[in-house]
């Protein structure tokens, strides 16, 4: 999933950078021909910060693409340093469309990452959901504070039982009776029962597994 998000972000920045380079027709030659001597995002950047390309931006398309990719990454991540800005009508139109596309892509990436992180510990997420439900129940019914504290304490003290119940439900729902018996035969709980409960030690294995 992480590599998929990285590929999606890289590809989005690439296409945004390509569009940003295409609308710059004053310094770098493109199929878009400007009328007049108006500024472009690249010419304004050169006038403000100087030409960082070697020998210059007009003869170094890789450098221009890198600068455009830098702007695309800022647009995608909504950082916005403000050193590269649109300077004419067509650049404003392109930048608005790029913002919309980048916004949707970035929202998808962030939402997916948050979903993955929340599912790393599903037991903790389920426990937090139960605590939230308990809080709503106590607020709606107007429980006194001492009772609220007792209920929350009971939830925390029995937290591990929730995980045990989920594991038991998993075994009962997805595995056959034979596999369930094999799981019980090799489980630590069965060995503890045989060691700690005296009246179980004399029973046959099938009877212990039934228990």
N, C-alpha and C. Protein backbone atom coordinates (compact mmCIF):
# COMPACT_ATOMS: atom_id res chain seq x y z
N UNK A 1 0.82 -1.19 0.00
CA UNK A 1 0.00 0.00 0.00
C UNK A 1 0.86 1.26 0.00
N UNK A 2 1.95 1.25 0.76
CA UNK A 2 2.81 2.43 0.82
C UNK A 2 3.42 2.72 -0.55
N UNK A 3 3.86 1.68 -1.25
CA UNK A 3 4.43 1.88 -2.58
C UNK A 3 3.37 2.36 -3.57
N UNK A 4 2.14 1.91 -3.39
CA UNK A 4 1.06 2.38 -4.27
C UNK A 4 0.83 3.87 -4.07
N UNK A 5 0.83 4.32 -2.81
CA UNK A 5 0.63 5.74 -2.55
C UNK A 5 1.80 6.57 -3.07
N UNK A 6 3.01 6.05 -2.92
CA UNK A 6 4.18 6.77 -3.43
C UNK A 6 4.12 6.88 -4.95
N UNK A 7 3.71 5.80 -5.61
CA UNK A 7 3.61 5.83 -7.08
C UNK A 7 2.52 6.80 -7.51
N UNK A 8 1.39 6.81 -6.82
CA UNK A 8 0.30 7.71 -7.18
C UNK A 8 0.72 9.16 -6.99
N UNK A 9 1.40 9.46 -5.88
CA UNK A 9 1.85 10.83 -5.63
C UNK A 9 2.89 11.25 -6.67
N UNK A 10 3.82 10.35 -6.99
CA UNK A 10 4.87 10.67 -7.97
C UNK A 10 4.27 10.90 -9.35
N UNK A 11 3.32 10.05 -9.74
CA UNK A 11 2.70 10.20 -11.06
C UNK A 11 1.87 11.48 -11.14
N UNK A 12 1.15 11.80 -10.07
CA UNK A 12 0.36 13.02 -10.06
C UNK A 12 1.25 14.25 -10.18
N UNK A 13 2.34 14.27 -9.42
CA UNK A 13 3.28 15.40 -9.50
C UNK A 13 3.90 15.49 -10.90
N UNK A 14 4.15 14.35 -11.51
CA UNK A 14 4.74 14.36 -12.86
C UNK A 14 3.81 15.03 -13.85
N UNK A 15 2.54 14.64 -13.86
CA UNK A 15 1.61 15.21 -14.83
C UNK A 15 1.32 16.68 -14.55
N UNK A 16 1.27 17.05 -13.28
CA UNK A 16 1.09 18.46 -12.94
C UNK A 16 2.30 19.27 -13.39
N UNK A 17 3.50 18.71 -13.17
CA UNK A 17 4.71 19.40 -13.61
C UNK A 17 4.74 19.55 -15.13
N UNK A 18 4.32 18.52 -15.85
CA UNK A 18 4.29 18.60 -17.32
C UNK A 18 3.33 19.71 -17.77
N UNK A 19 2.16 19.77 -17.14
CA UNK A 19 1.20 20.82 -17.49
C UNK A 19 1.75 22.20 -17.18
N UNK A 20 2.47 22.32 -16.07
CA UNK A 20 3.03 23.61 -15.66
C UNK A 20 4.15 24.05 -16.60
N UNK A 21 4.91 23.11 -17.11
CA UNK A 21 5.96 23.44 -18.09
C UNK A 21 5.33 23.85 -19.42
N UNK A 22 4.26 23.17 -19.82
CA UNK A 22 3.65 23.45 -21.12
C UNK A 22 3.07 24.86 -21.21
N UNK A 23 2.59 25.39 -20.08
CA UNK A 23 1.98 26.73 -20.14
C UNK A 23 3.03 27.83 -20.06
N UNK A 24 4.30 27.47 -19.86
CA UNK A 24 5.38 28.46 -19.81
C UNK A 24 5.97 28.59 -21.21
N UNK A 25 5.63 29.65 -21.91
CA UNK A 25 6.07 29.78 -23.30
C UNK A 25 7.00 30.93 -23.56
N UNK A 26 7.44 31.59 -22.51
CA UNK A 26 8.31 32.75 -22.72
C UNK A 26 9.79 32.38 -22.66
N UNK A 27 10.17 31.54 -21.67
CA UNK A 27 11.57 31.15 -21.53
C UNK A 27 11.85 29.85 -22.27
N UNK A 28 10.96 28.91 -22.10
CA UNK A 28 11.12 27.60 -22.75
C UNK A 28 10.15 27.50 -23.92
N UNK A 29 10.59 27.00 -25.07
CA UNK A 29 9.70 26.90 -26.23
C UNK A 29 8.69 25.76 -26.06
N UNK A 30 7.41 26.07 -26.16
CA UNK A 30 6.33 25.06 -26.13
C UNK A 30 5.37 25.36 -27.26
N UNK A 31 4.31 24.52 -27.36
CA UNK A 31 3.35 24.74 -28.44
C UNK A 31 2.41 25.90 -28.12
N UNK A 32 2.45 26.41 -26.89
CA UNK A 32 1.64 27.56 -26.52
C UNK A 32 2.44 28.82 -26.78
N UNK A 33 1.90 29.72 -27.62
CA UNK A 33 2.60 30.94 -28.00
C UNK A 33 1.92 32.12 -27.33
N UNK A 34 2.68 32.88 -26.57
CA UNK A 34 2.14 34.04 -25.89
C UNK A 34 2.18 35.26 -26.79
N UNK A 35 1.19 36.11 -26.63
CA UNK A 35 1.16 37.38 -27.34
C UNK A 35 1.50 38.49 -26.34
N UNK A 36 2.47 39.30 -26.66
CA UNK A 36 2.87 40.36 -25.75
C UNK A 36 4.08 39.95 -24.93
N UNK A 37 4.42 40.83 -24.03
CA UNK A 37 5.61 40.64 -23.21
C UNK A 37 5.24 40.37 -21.76
N UNK A 38 4.15 39.70 -21.52
CA UNK A 38 3.72 39.42 -20.15
C UNK A 38 4.65 38.43 -19.46
N UNK A 39 4.63 38.47 -18.14
CA UNK A 39 5.46 37.57 -17.35
C UNK A 39 4.83 36.18 -17.27
N UNK A 40 5.68 35.21 -17.08
CA UNK A 40 5.24 33.84 -16.80
C UNK A 40 5.80 33.42 -15.45
N UNK A 41 5.36 32.26 -14.99
CA UNK A 41 5.84 31.82 -13.68
C UNK A 41 7.35 31.63 -13.65
N UNK A 42 7.93 31.19 -14.78
CA UNK A 42 9.37 30.97 -14.82
C UNK A 42 10.15 32.28 -14.94
N UNK A 43 9.66 33.18 -15.79
CA UNK A 43 10.35 34.47 -15.93
C UNK A 43 10.29 35.27 -14.63
N UNK A 44 9.17 35.21 -13.95
CA UNK A 44 9.05 35.90 -12.66
C UNK A 44 9.98 35.27 -11.61
N UNK A 45 10.10 33.95 -11.64
CA UNK A 45 11.00 33.27 -10.70
C UNK A 45 12.45 33.66 -10.97
N UNK A 46 12.82 33.74 -12.26
CA UNK A 46 14.19 34.13 -12.61
C UNK A 46 14.47 35.57 -12.20
N UNK A 47 13.49 36.47 -12.41
CA UNK A 47 13.68 37.87 -12.03
C UNK A 47 13.77 38.02 -10.51
N UNK A 48 13.08 37.16 -9.79
CA UNK A 48 13.05 37.28 -8.33
C UNK A 48 14.24 36.60 -7.67
N UNK A 49 14.55 35.38 -8.08
CA UNK A 49 15.57 34.59 -7.39
C UNK A 49 16.80 34.30 -8.24
N UNK A 50 16.74 34.64 -9.50
CA UNK A 50 17.86 34.36 -10.38
C UNK A 50 17.66 33.02 -11.11
N UNK A 51 18.47 32.81 -12.13
CA UNK A 51 18.39 31.59 -12.94
C UNK A 51 19.32 30.54 -12.33
N UNK A 52 18.72 29.48 -11.79
CA UNK A 52 19.51 28.42 -11.16
C UNK A 52 19.90 27.32 -12.12
N UNK A 53 19.46 27.39 -13.37
CA UNK A 53 19.76 26.35 -14.35
C UNK A 53 21.10 26.63 -15.02
N UNK A 54 21.70 25.58 -15.54
CA UNK A 54 23.02 25.67 -16.18
C UNK A 54 22.91 25.17 -17.63
N UNK A 55 23.28 25.98 -18.66
CA UNK A 55 23.75 27.37 -18.53
C UNK A 55 22.64 28.36 -18.21
N UNK A 56 21.41 28.06 -18.68
CA UNK A 56 20.25 28.88 -18.32
C UNK A 56 19.01 28.04 -18.54
N UNK A 57 17.86 28.56 -18.12
CA UNK A 57 16.61 27.81 -18.19
C UNK A 57 16.20 27.52 -19.63
N UNK A 58 16.54 28.39 -20.55
CA UNK A 58 16.17 28.19 -21.95
C UNK A 58 16.88 27.01 -22.57
N UNK A 59 18.02 26.61 -22.02
CA UNK A 59 18.80 25.51 -22.59
C UNK A 59 18.93 24.32 -21.64
N UNK A 60 18.13 24.30 -20.60
CA UNK A 60 18.20 23.20 -19.63
C UNK A 60 16.77 22.76 -19.28
N UNK A 61 16.14 21.98 -20.17
CA UNK A 61 14.75 21.57 -19.92
C UNK A 61 14.59 20.68 -18.69
N UNK A 62 15.63 19.91 -18.35
CA UNK A 62 15.54 19.05 -17.16
C UNK A 62 15.43 19.91 -15.90
N UNK A 63 16.18 21.00 -15.86
CA UNK A 63 16.12 21.91 -14.72
C UNK A 63 14.74 22.56 -14.62
N UNK A 64 14.18 22.95 -15.75
CA UNK A 64 12.84 23.56 -15.75
C UNK A 64 11.80 22.55 -15.27
N UNK A 65 11.94 21.31 -15.73
CA UNK A 65 11.02 20.26 -15.26
C UNK A 65 11.16 20.05 -13.76
N UNK A 66 12.39 20.08 -13.25
CA UNK A 66 12.61 19.89 -11.82
C UNK A 66 11.95 21.01 -11.02
N UNK A 67 12.06 22.24 -11.52
CA UNK A 67 11.41 23.36 -10.84
C UNK A 67 9.89 23.20 -10.87
N UNK A 68 9.36 22.76 -12.01
CA UNK A 68 7.92 22.54 -12.12
C UNK A 68 7.47 21.40 -11.21
N UNK A 69 8.30 20.36 -11.11
CA UNK A 69 7.97 19.24 -10.22
C UNK A 69 7.98 19.70 -8.77
N UNK A 70 8.90 20.58 -8.44
CA UNK A 70 8.94 21.16 -7.09
C UNK A 70 7.64 21.91 -6.79
N UNK A 71 7.15 22.69 -7.76
CA UNK A 71 5.88 23.39 -7.58
C UNK A 71 4.72 22.39 -7.47
N UNK A 72 4.77 21.32 -8.27
CA UNK A 72 3.70 20.31 -8.22
C UNK A 72 3.67 19.62 -6.87
N UNK A 73 4.84 19.30 -6.32
CA UNK A 73 4.88 18.67 -5.00
C UNK A 73 4.34 19.59 -3.93
N UNK A 74 4.65 20.89 -4.03
CA UNK A 74 4.09 21.85 -3.09
C UNK A 74 2.58 21.93 -3.21
N UNK A 75 2.09 21.90 -4.44
CA UNK A 75 0.64 21.96 -4.65
C UNK A 75 -0.05 20.72 -4.12
N UNK A 76 0.55 19.54 -4.35
CA UNK A 76 -0.05 18.30 -3.89
C UNK A 76 -0.10 18.24 -2.37
N UNK A 77 0.97 18.61 -1.71
CA UNK A 77 1.03 18.52 -0.25
C UNK A 77 0.50 19.77 0.45
N UNK A 78 0.04 20.75 -0.32
CA UNK A 78 -0.52 22.00 0.20
C UNK A 78 0.46 22.74 1.10
N UNK A 79 1.77 22.65 0.78
CA UNK A 79 2.78 23.40 1.53
C UNK A 79 2.77 24.86 1.10
N UNK A 80 3.02 25.11 -0.17
CA UNK A 80 2.91 26.46 -0.70
C UNK A 80 3.93 27.43 -0.16
N UNK A 81 5.19 27.36 -0.63
CA UNK A 81 6.21 28.32 -0.20
C UNK A 81 5.99 29.71 -0.79
N UNK A 82 5.33 29.77 -1.92
CA UNK A 82 5.00 31.07 -2.49
C UNK A 82 6.04 31.65 -3.41
N UNK A 83 7.11 30.92 -3.71
CA UNK A 83 8.14 31.45 -4.60
C UNK A 83 7.79 31.27 -6.07
N UNK A 84 6.89 30.34 -6.39
CA UNK A 84 6.43 30.14 -7.76
C UNK A 84 4.92 30.40 -7.80
N UNK A 85 4.53 31.39 -8.57
CA UNK A 85 3.12 31.78 -8.63
C UNK A 85 2.71 32.02 -10.08
N UNK A 86 1.43 31.82 -10.41
CA UNK A 86 0.96 32.12 -11.78
C UNK A 86 1.01 33.62 -12.05
N UNK A 87 1.28 33.95 -13.31
CA UNK A 87 1.46 35.36 -13.68
C UNK A 87 0.51 35.83 -14.76
N UNK A 88 -0.25 34.92 -15.36
CA UNK A 88 -1.18 35.33 -16.41
C UNK A 88 -2.43 34.46 -16.33
N UNK A 89 -3.39 34.75 -17.19
CA UNK A 89 -4.70 34.12 -17.09
C UNK A 89 -4.63 32.62 -17.28
N UNK A 90 -3.90 32.16 -18.30
CA UNK A 90 -3.86 30.72 -18.56
C UNK A 90 -3.16 29.98 -17.43
N UNK A 91 -2.15 30.60 -16.82
CA UNK A 91 -1.49 29.96 -15.69
C UNK A 91 -2.39 29.89 -14.47
N UNK A 92 -3.22 30.90 -14.28
CA UNK A 92 -4.19 30.85 -13.20
C UNK A 92 -5.20 29.71 -13.41
N UNK A 93 -5.67 29.55 -14.65
CA UNK A 93 -6.60 28.47 -14.95
C UNK A 93 -5.96 27.10 -14.71
N UNK A 94 -4.76 26.94 -15.20
CA UNK A 94 -4.07 25.66 -15.03
C UNK A 94 -3.78 25.38 -13.55
N UNK A 95 -3.36 26.40 -12.81
CA UNK A 95 -3.07 26.19 -11.39
C UNK A 95 -4.32 25.82 -10.61
N UNK A 96 -5.46 26.40 -10.96
CA UNK A 96 -6.71 26.05 -10.28
C UNK A 96 -7.07 24.59 -10.55
N UNK A 97 -6.98 24.16 -11.80
CA UNK A 97 -7.27 22.76 -12.12
C UNK A 97 -6.31 21.81 -11.43
N UNK A 98 -5.03 22.20 -11.38
CA UNK A 98 -4.03 21.35 -10.71
C UNK A 98 -4.32 21.27 -9.22
N UNK A 99 -4.79 22.35 -8.62
CA UNK A 99 -5.13 22.33 -7.19
C UNK A 99 -6.27 21.38 -6.91
N UNK A 100 -7.29 21.39 -7.77
CA UNK A 100 -8.40 20.48 -7.58
C UNK A 100 -7.96 19.02 -7.69
N UNK A 101 -7.19 18.72 -8.73
CA UNK A 101 -6.72 17.34 -8.92
C UNK A 101 -5.83 16.92 -7.76
N UNK A 102 -4.88 17.78 -7.40
CA UNK A 102 -3.96 17.45 -6.30
C UNK A 102 -4.70 17.31 -4.98
N UNK A 103 -5.72 18.14 -4.78
CA UNK A 103 -6.49 18.05 -3.53
C UNK A 103 -7.20 16.72 -3.38
N UNK A 104 -7.84 16.26 -4.45
CA UNK A 104 -8.52 14.96 -4.40
C UNK A 104 -7.53 13.82 -4.20
N UNK A 105 -6.42 13.87 -4.91
CA UNK A 105 -5.42 12.80 -4.79
C UNK A 105 -4.83 12.78 -3.38
N UNK A 106 -4.49 13.95 -2.86
CA UNK A 106 -3.89 14.02 -1.53
C UNK A 106 -4.88 13.58 -0.44
N UNK A 107 -6.15 13.95 -0.61
CA UNK A 107 -7.17 13.52 0.36
C UNK A 107 -7.31 12.00 0.35
N UNK A 108 -7.25 11.40 -0.84
CA UNK A 108 -7.33 9.94 -0.94
C UNK A 108 -6.13 9.29 -0.26
N UNK A 109 -4.93 9.84 -0.50
CA UNK A 109 -3.72 9.25 0.09
C UNK A 109 -3.75 9.37 1.61
N UNK A 110 -4.06 10.55 2.12
CA UNK A 110 -4.07 10.75 3.57
C UNK A 110 -5.15 9.89 4.22
N UNK A 111 -6.34 9.84 3.61
CA UNK A 111 -7.41 9.02 4.17
C UNK A 111 -7.06 7.55 4.20
N UNK A 112 -6.41 7.08 3.14
CA UNK A 112 -6.02 5.67 3.09
C UNK A 112 -4.95 5.36 4.13
N UNK A 113 -3.99 6.26 4.31
CA UNK A 113 -2.95 6.04 5.31
C UNK A 113 -3.54 6.03 6.71
N UNK A 114 -4.45 6.93 6.98
CA UNK A 114 -5.10 6.95 8.30
C UNK A 114 -5.88 5.66 8.54
N UNK A 115 -6.55 5.17 7.49
CA UNK A 115 -7.29 3.92 7.63
C UNK A 115 -6.36 2.75 7.91
N UNK A 116 -5.20 2.72 7.24
CA UNK A 116 -4.23 1.65 7.47
C UNK A 116 -3.70 1.70 8.90
N UNK A 117 -3.36 2.90 9.36
CA UNK A 117 -2.83 3.05 10.71
C UNK A 117 -3.85 2.66 11.77
N UNK A 118 -5.11 2.99 11.53
CA UNK A 118 -6.15 2.65 12.51
C UNK A 118 -6.42 1.16 12.56
N UNK A 119 -6.11 0.45 11.47
CA UNK A 119 -6.34 -1.00 11.44
C UNK A 119 -5.12 -1.81 11.86
N UNK A 120 -4.02 -1.14 12.22
CA UNK A 120 -2.86 -1.88 12.69
C UNK A 120 -3.15 -2.59 14.01
N UNK A 121 -4.00 -2.02 14.84
CA UNK A 121 -4.39 -2.63 16.11
C UNK A 121 -5.92 -2.62 16.19
N UNK A 122 -6.58 -3.57 15.52
CA UNK A 122 -8.05 -3.56 15.49
C UNK A 122 -8.67 -3.76 16.86
N UNK A 123 -7.98 -4.48 17.76
CA UNK A 123 -8.52 -4.69 19.10
C UNK A 123 -8.60 -3.37 19.84
N UNK A 124 -7.52 -2.57 19.77
CA UNK A 124 -7.52 -1.26 20.44
C UNK A 124 -8.58 -0.34 19.84
N UNK A 125 -8.74 -0.40 18.50
CA UNK A 125 -9.76 0.44 17.86
C UNK A 125 -11.16 0.02 18.29
N UNK A 126 -11.41 -1.29 18.39
CA UNK A 126 -12.72 -1.76 18.85
C UNK A 126 -12.95 -1.38 20.31
N UNK A 127 -11.91 -1.47 21.13
CA UNK A 127 -12.05 -1.10 22.54
C UNK A 127 -12.36 0.39 22.67
N UNK A 128 -11.69 1.23 21.88
CA UNK A 128 -11.96 2.66 21.93
C UNK A 128 -13.38 2.96 21.46
N UNK A 129 -13.85 2.22 20.47
CA UNK A 129 -15.23 2.39 20.01
C UNK A 129 -16.23 2.02 21.12
N UNK A 130 -15.93 0.96 21.85
CA UNK A 130 -16.81 0.57 22.96
C UNK A 130 -16.79 1.63 24.06
N UNK A 131 -15.61 2.20 24.33
CA UNK A 131 -15.54 3.27 25.33
C UNK A 131 -16.36 4.49 24.91
N UNK A 132 -16.30 4.82 23.62
CA UNK A 132 -17.09 5.95 23.13
C UNK A 132 -18.58 5.66 23.26
N UNK A 133 -18.99 4.45 22.95
CA UNK A 133 -20.40 4.08 23.08
C UNK A 133 -20.83 4.13 24.54
N UNK A 134 -19.95 3.66 25.44
CA UNK A 134 -20.26 3.73 26.86
C UNK A 134 -20.39 5.17 27.34
N UNK A 135 -19.51 6.05 26.84
CA UNK A 135 -19.61 7.45 27.22
C UNK A 135 -20.90 8.08 26.77
N UNK A 136 -21.34 7.75 25.55
CA UNK A 136 -22.63 8.27 25.08
C UNK A 136 -23.78 7.74 25.91
N UNK A 137 -23.71 6.44 26.28
CA UNK A 137 -24.76 5.85 27.11
C UNK A 137 -24.84 6.53 28.47
N UNK A 138 -23.69 6.73 29.11
CA UNK A 138 -23.68 7.34 30.44
C UNK A 138 -24.16 8.78 30.39
N UNK A 139 -23.79 9.51 29.33
CA UNK A 139 -24.23 10.90 29.20
C UNK A 139 -25.73 10.99 28.95
N UNK A 140 -26.25 10.11 28.10
CA UNK A 140 -27.67 10.15 27.77
C UNK A 140 -28.55 9.80 28.97
N UNK A 141 -28.09 8.85 29.78
CA UNK A 141 -28.89 8.41 30.93
C UNK A 141 -28.55 9.16 32.21
N UNK A 142 -27.60 10.04 32.17
CA UNK A 142 -27.30 10.87 33.32
C UNK A 142 -26.77 10.12 34.52
N UNK A 143 -25.84 9.19 34.29
CA UNK A 143 -25.28 8.42 35.40
C UNK A 143 -24.46 9.33 36.31
N UNK A 144 -24.45 9.07 37.61
CA UNK A 144 -23.58 9.83 38.52
C UNK A 144 -22.11 9.50 38.28
N UNK A 145 -21.22 10.40 38.69
CA UNK A 145 -19.80 10.25 38.45
C UNK A 145 -19.21 8.98 39.07
N UNK A 146 -19.58 8.61 40.30
CA UNK A 146 -19.01 7.36 40.85
C UNK A 146 -19.33 6.14 39.99
N UNK A 147 -20.56 6.08 39.47
CA UNK A 147 -20.92 4.95 38.62
C UNK A 147 -20.16 5.00 37.29
N UNK A 148 -19.96 6.19 36.76
CA UNK A 148 -19.19 6.31 35.52
C UNK A 148 -17.77 5.79 35.71
N UNK A 149 -17.16 6.14 36.84
CA UNK A 149 -15.80 5.69 37.12
C UNK A 149 -15.74 4.18 37.27
N UNK A 150 -16.76 3.59 37.91
CA UNK A 150 -16.78 2.13 38.07
C UNK A 150 -16.92 1.44 36.73
N UNK A 151 -17.77 1.96 35.87
CA UNK A 151 -17.97 1.35 34.56
C UNK A 151 -16.71 1.44 33.69
N UNK A 152 -16.07 2.61 33.71
CA UNK A 152 -14.83 2.76 32.92
C UNK A 152 -13.73 1.85 33.46
N UNK A 153 -13.63 1.77 34.78
CA UNK A 153 -12.61 0.89 35.38
C UNK A 153 -12.86 -0.56 35.02
N UNK A 154 -14.13 -0.96 35.01
CA UNK A 154 -14.45 -2.35 34.64
C UNK A 154 -14.07 -2.61 33.19
N UNK A 155 -14.31 -1.63 32.31
CA UNK A 155 -13.95 -1.80 30.90
C UNK A 155 -12.45 -2.00 30.74
N UNK A 156 -11.66 -1.20 31.44
CA UNK A 156 -10.21 -1.32 31.31
C UNK A 156 -9.70 -2.62 31.93
N UNK A 157 -10.30 -3.04 33.04
CA UNK A 157 -9.82 -4.26 33.69
C UNK A 157 -10.16 -5.52 32.91
N UNK A 158 -11.22 -5.47 32.14
CA UNK A 158 -11.65 -6.64 31.34
C UNK A 158 -11.32 -6.47 29.86
N UNK A 159 -10.37 -5.59 29.55
CA UNK A 159 -10.03 -5.32 28.16
C UNK A 159 -9.53 -6.56 27.46
N UNK A 160 -8.72 -7.38 28.16
CA UNK A 160 -8.14 -8.55 27.52
C UNK A 160 -9.19 -9.61 27.19
N UNK A 161 -10.34 -9.60 27.93
CA UNK A 161 -11.39 -10.56 27.63
C UNK A 161 -12.03 -10.28 26.27
N UNK A 162 -12.05 -9.03 25.86
CA UNK A 162 -12.60 -8.69 24.55
C UNK A 162 -11.78 -9.35 23.44
N UNK A 163 -10.47 -9.33 23.60
CA UNK A 163 -9.62 -9.98 22.60
C UNK A 163 -9.81 -11.49 22.61
N UNK A 164 -9.94 -12.08 23.80
CA UNK A 164 -10.18 -13.52 23.88
C UNK A 164 -11.50 -13.90 23.24
N UNK A 165 -12.53 -13.11 23.46
CA UNK A 165 -13.84 -13.41 22.84
C UNK A 165 -13.78 -13.30 21.33
N UNK A 166 -13.03 -12.32 20.83
CA UNK A 166 -12.90 -12.18 19.38
C UNK A 166 -12.15 -13.37 18.78
N UNK A 167 -11.12 -13.83 19.48
CA UNK A 167 -10.38 -14.98 18.98
C UNK A 167 -11.23 -16.25 19.02
N UNK A 168 -12.02 -16.39 20.07
CA UNK A 168 -12.91 -17.56 20.16
C UNK A 168 -13.95 -17.54 19.05
N UNK A 169 -14.50 -16.36 18.78
CA UNK A 169 -15.48 -16.24 17.70
C UNK A 169 -14.85 -16.55 16.35
N UNK A 170 -13.59 -16.14 16.17
CA UNK A 170 -12.88 -16.44 14.92
C UNK A 170 -12.75 -17.94 14.72
N UNK A 171 -12.36 -18.65 15.77
CA UNK A 171 -12.17 -20.10 15.67
C UNK A 171 -13.50 -20.79 15.41
N UNK A 172 -14.56 -20.40 16.12
CA UNK A 172 -15.86 -21.06 15.98
C UNK A 172 -16.51 -20.77 14.64
N UNK A 173 -16.23 -19.61 14.05
CA UNK A 173 -16.90 -19.22 12.82
C UNK A 173 -16.24 -19.79 11.57
N UNK A 174 -14.91 -19.89 11.57
CA UNK A 174 -14.21 -20.19 10.34
C UNK A 174 -13.58 -21.59 10.28
N UNK A 175 -13.52 -22.31 11.39
CA UNK A 175 -12.83 -23.59 11.39
C UNK A 175 -13.79 -24.72 11.72
N UNK A 176 -13.49 -25.88 11.15
CA UNK A 176 -14.32 -27.06 11.37
C UNK A 176 -14.14 -27.57 12.80
N UNK A 177 -15.02 -28.52 13.17
CA UNK A 177 -14.94 -29.07 14.52
C UNK A 177 -13.62 -29.78 14.76
N UNK A 178 -13.12 -30.47 13.73
CA UNK A 178 -11.84 -31.17 13.89
C UNK A 178 -10.70 -30.20 14.12
N UNK A 179 -10.66 -29.12 13.34
CA UNK A 179 -9.61 -28.13 13.53
C UNK A 179 -9.75 -27.41 14.87
N UNK A 180 -10.99 -27.20 15.29
CA UNK A 180 -11.20 -26.57 16.60
C UNK A 180 -10.64 -27.44 17.72
N UNK A 181 -10.80 -28.73 17.61
CA UNK A 181 -10.27 -29.65 18.62
C UNK A 181 -8.73 -29.66 18.59
N UNK A 182 -8.17 -29.58 17.38
CA UNK A 182 -6.71 -29.51 17.28
C UNK A 182 -6.18 -28.22 17.90
N UNK A 183 -6.90 -27.14 17.69
CA UNK A 183 -6.49 -25.87 18.29
C UNK A 183 -6.56 -25.96 19.81
N UNK A 184 -7.64 -26.54 20.32
CA UNK A 184 -7.78 -26.68 21.77
C UNK A 184 -6.73 -27.63 22.34
N UNK A 185 -6.40 -28.69 21.61
CA UNK A 185 -5.42 -29.66 22.09
C UNK A 185 -4.04 -29.04 22.23
N UNK A 186 -3.70 -28.12 21.35
CA UNK A 186 -2.37 -27.51 21.36
C UNK A 186 -2.34 -26.13 22.01
N UNK A 187 -3.42 -25.74 22.63
CA UNK A 187 -3.46 -24.41 23.24
C UNK A 187 -2.88 -24.44 24.65
N UNK A 188 -2.42 -23.29 25.09
CA UNK A 188 -1.86 -23.15 26.42
C UNK A 188 -2.95 -23.30 27.48
N UNK A 189 -4.18 -22.86 27.16
CA UNK A 189 -5.26 -22.95 28.13
C UNK A 189 -5.55 -24.40 28.51
N UNK A 190 -5.53 -25.31 27.53
CA UNK A 190 -5.81 -26.71 27.84
C UNK A 190 -4.73 -27.31 28.73
N UNK A 191 -3.49 -26.94 28.48
CA UNK A 191 -2.41 -27.45 29.32
C UNK A 191 -2.50 -26.91 30.74
N UNK A 192 -2.92 -25.65 30.87
CA UNK A 192 -3.08 -25.07 32.20
C UNK A 192 -4.21 -25.75 32.96
N UNK A 193 -5.28 -26.09 32.25
CA UNK A 193 -6.39 -26.78 32.91
C UNK A 193 -5.94 -28.14 33.43
N UNK A 194 -5.19 -28.85 32.62
CA UNK A 194 -4.71 -30.17 33.05
C UNK A 194 -3.78 -30.08 34.25
N UNK A 195 -3.03 -29.00 34.35
CA UNK A 195 -2.07 -28.86 35.44
C UNK A 195 -2.68 -28.31 36.72
N UNK A 196 -3.70 -27.47 36.60
CA UNK A 196 -4.20 -26.77 37.77
C UNK A 196 -5.50 -27.35 38.34
N UNK A 197 -6.32 -27.99 37.53
CA UNK A 197 -7.60 -28.53 38.00
C UNK A 197 -7.43 -30.03 38.22
N UNK A 198 -7.53 -30.43 39.49
CA UNK A 198 -7.18 -31.82 39.82
C UNK A 198 -8.16 -32.82 39.23
N UNK A 199 -9.48 -32.47 39.22
CA UNK A 199 -10.45 -33.45 38.77
C UNK A 199 -10.45 -33.63 37.26
N UNK A 200 -9.76 -32.74 36.51
CA UNK A 200 -9.67 -32.87 35.06
C UNK A 200 -8.55 -33.82 34.67
N UNK A 201 -7.56 -33.98 35.54
CA UNK A 201 -6.39 -34.77 35.19
C UNK A 201 -6.72 -36.23 34.94
N UNK A 202 -7.78 -36.75 35.54
CA UNK A 202 -8.14 -38.14 35.33
C UNK A 202 -9.06 -38.37 34.16
N UNK A 203 -9.49 -37.33 33.47
CA UNK A 203 -10.41 -37.47 32.34
C UNK A 203 -9.66 -37.80 31.06
N UNK A 204 -10.39 -38.38 30.13
CA UNK A 204 -9.80 -38.66 28.83
C UNK A 204 -9.63 -37.36 28.04
N UNK A 205 -8.80 -37.47 27.00
CA UNK A 205 -8.47 -36.26 26.24
C UNK A 205 -9.71 -35.68 25.56
N UNK A 206 -10.59 -36.54 25.03
CA UNK A 206 -11.79 -36.04 24.35
C UNK A 206 -12.69 -35.29 25.30
N UNK A 207 -12.79 -35.77 26.54
CA UNK A 207 -13.61 -35.07 27.53
C UNK A 207 -13.02 -33.71 27.86
N UNK A 208 -11.70 -33.63 27.97
CA UNK A 208 -11.04 -32.34 28.25
C UNK A 208 -11.25 -31.38 27.10
N UNK A 209 -11.16 -31.90 25.88
CA UNK A 209 -11.37 -31.03 24.70
C UNK A 209 -12.80 -30.53 24.64
N UNK A 210 -13.76 -31.35 25.02
CA UNK A 210 -15.15 -30.91 25.05
C UNK A 210 -15.35 -29.77 26.04
N UNK A 211 -14.64 -29.86 27.15
CA UNK A 211 -14.73 -28.79 28.16
C UNK A 211 -14.15 -27.50 27.60
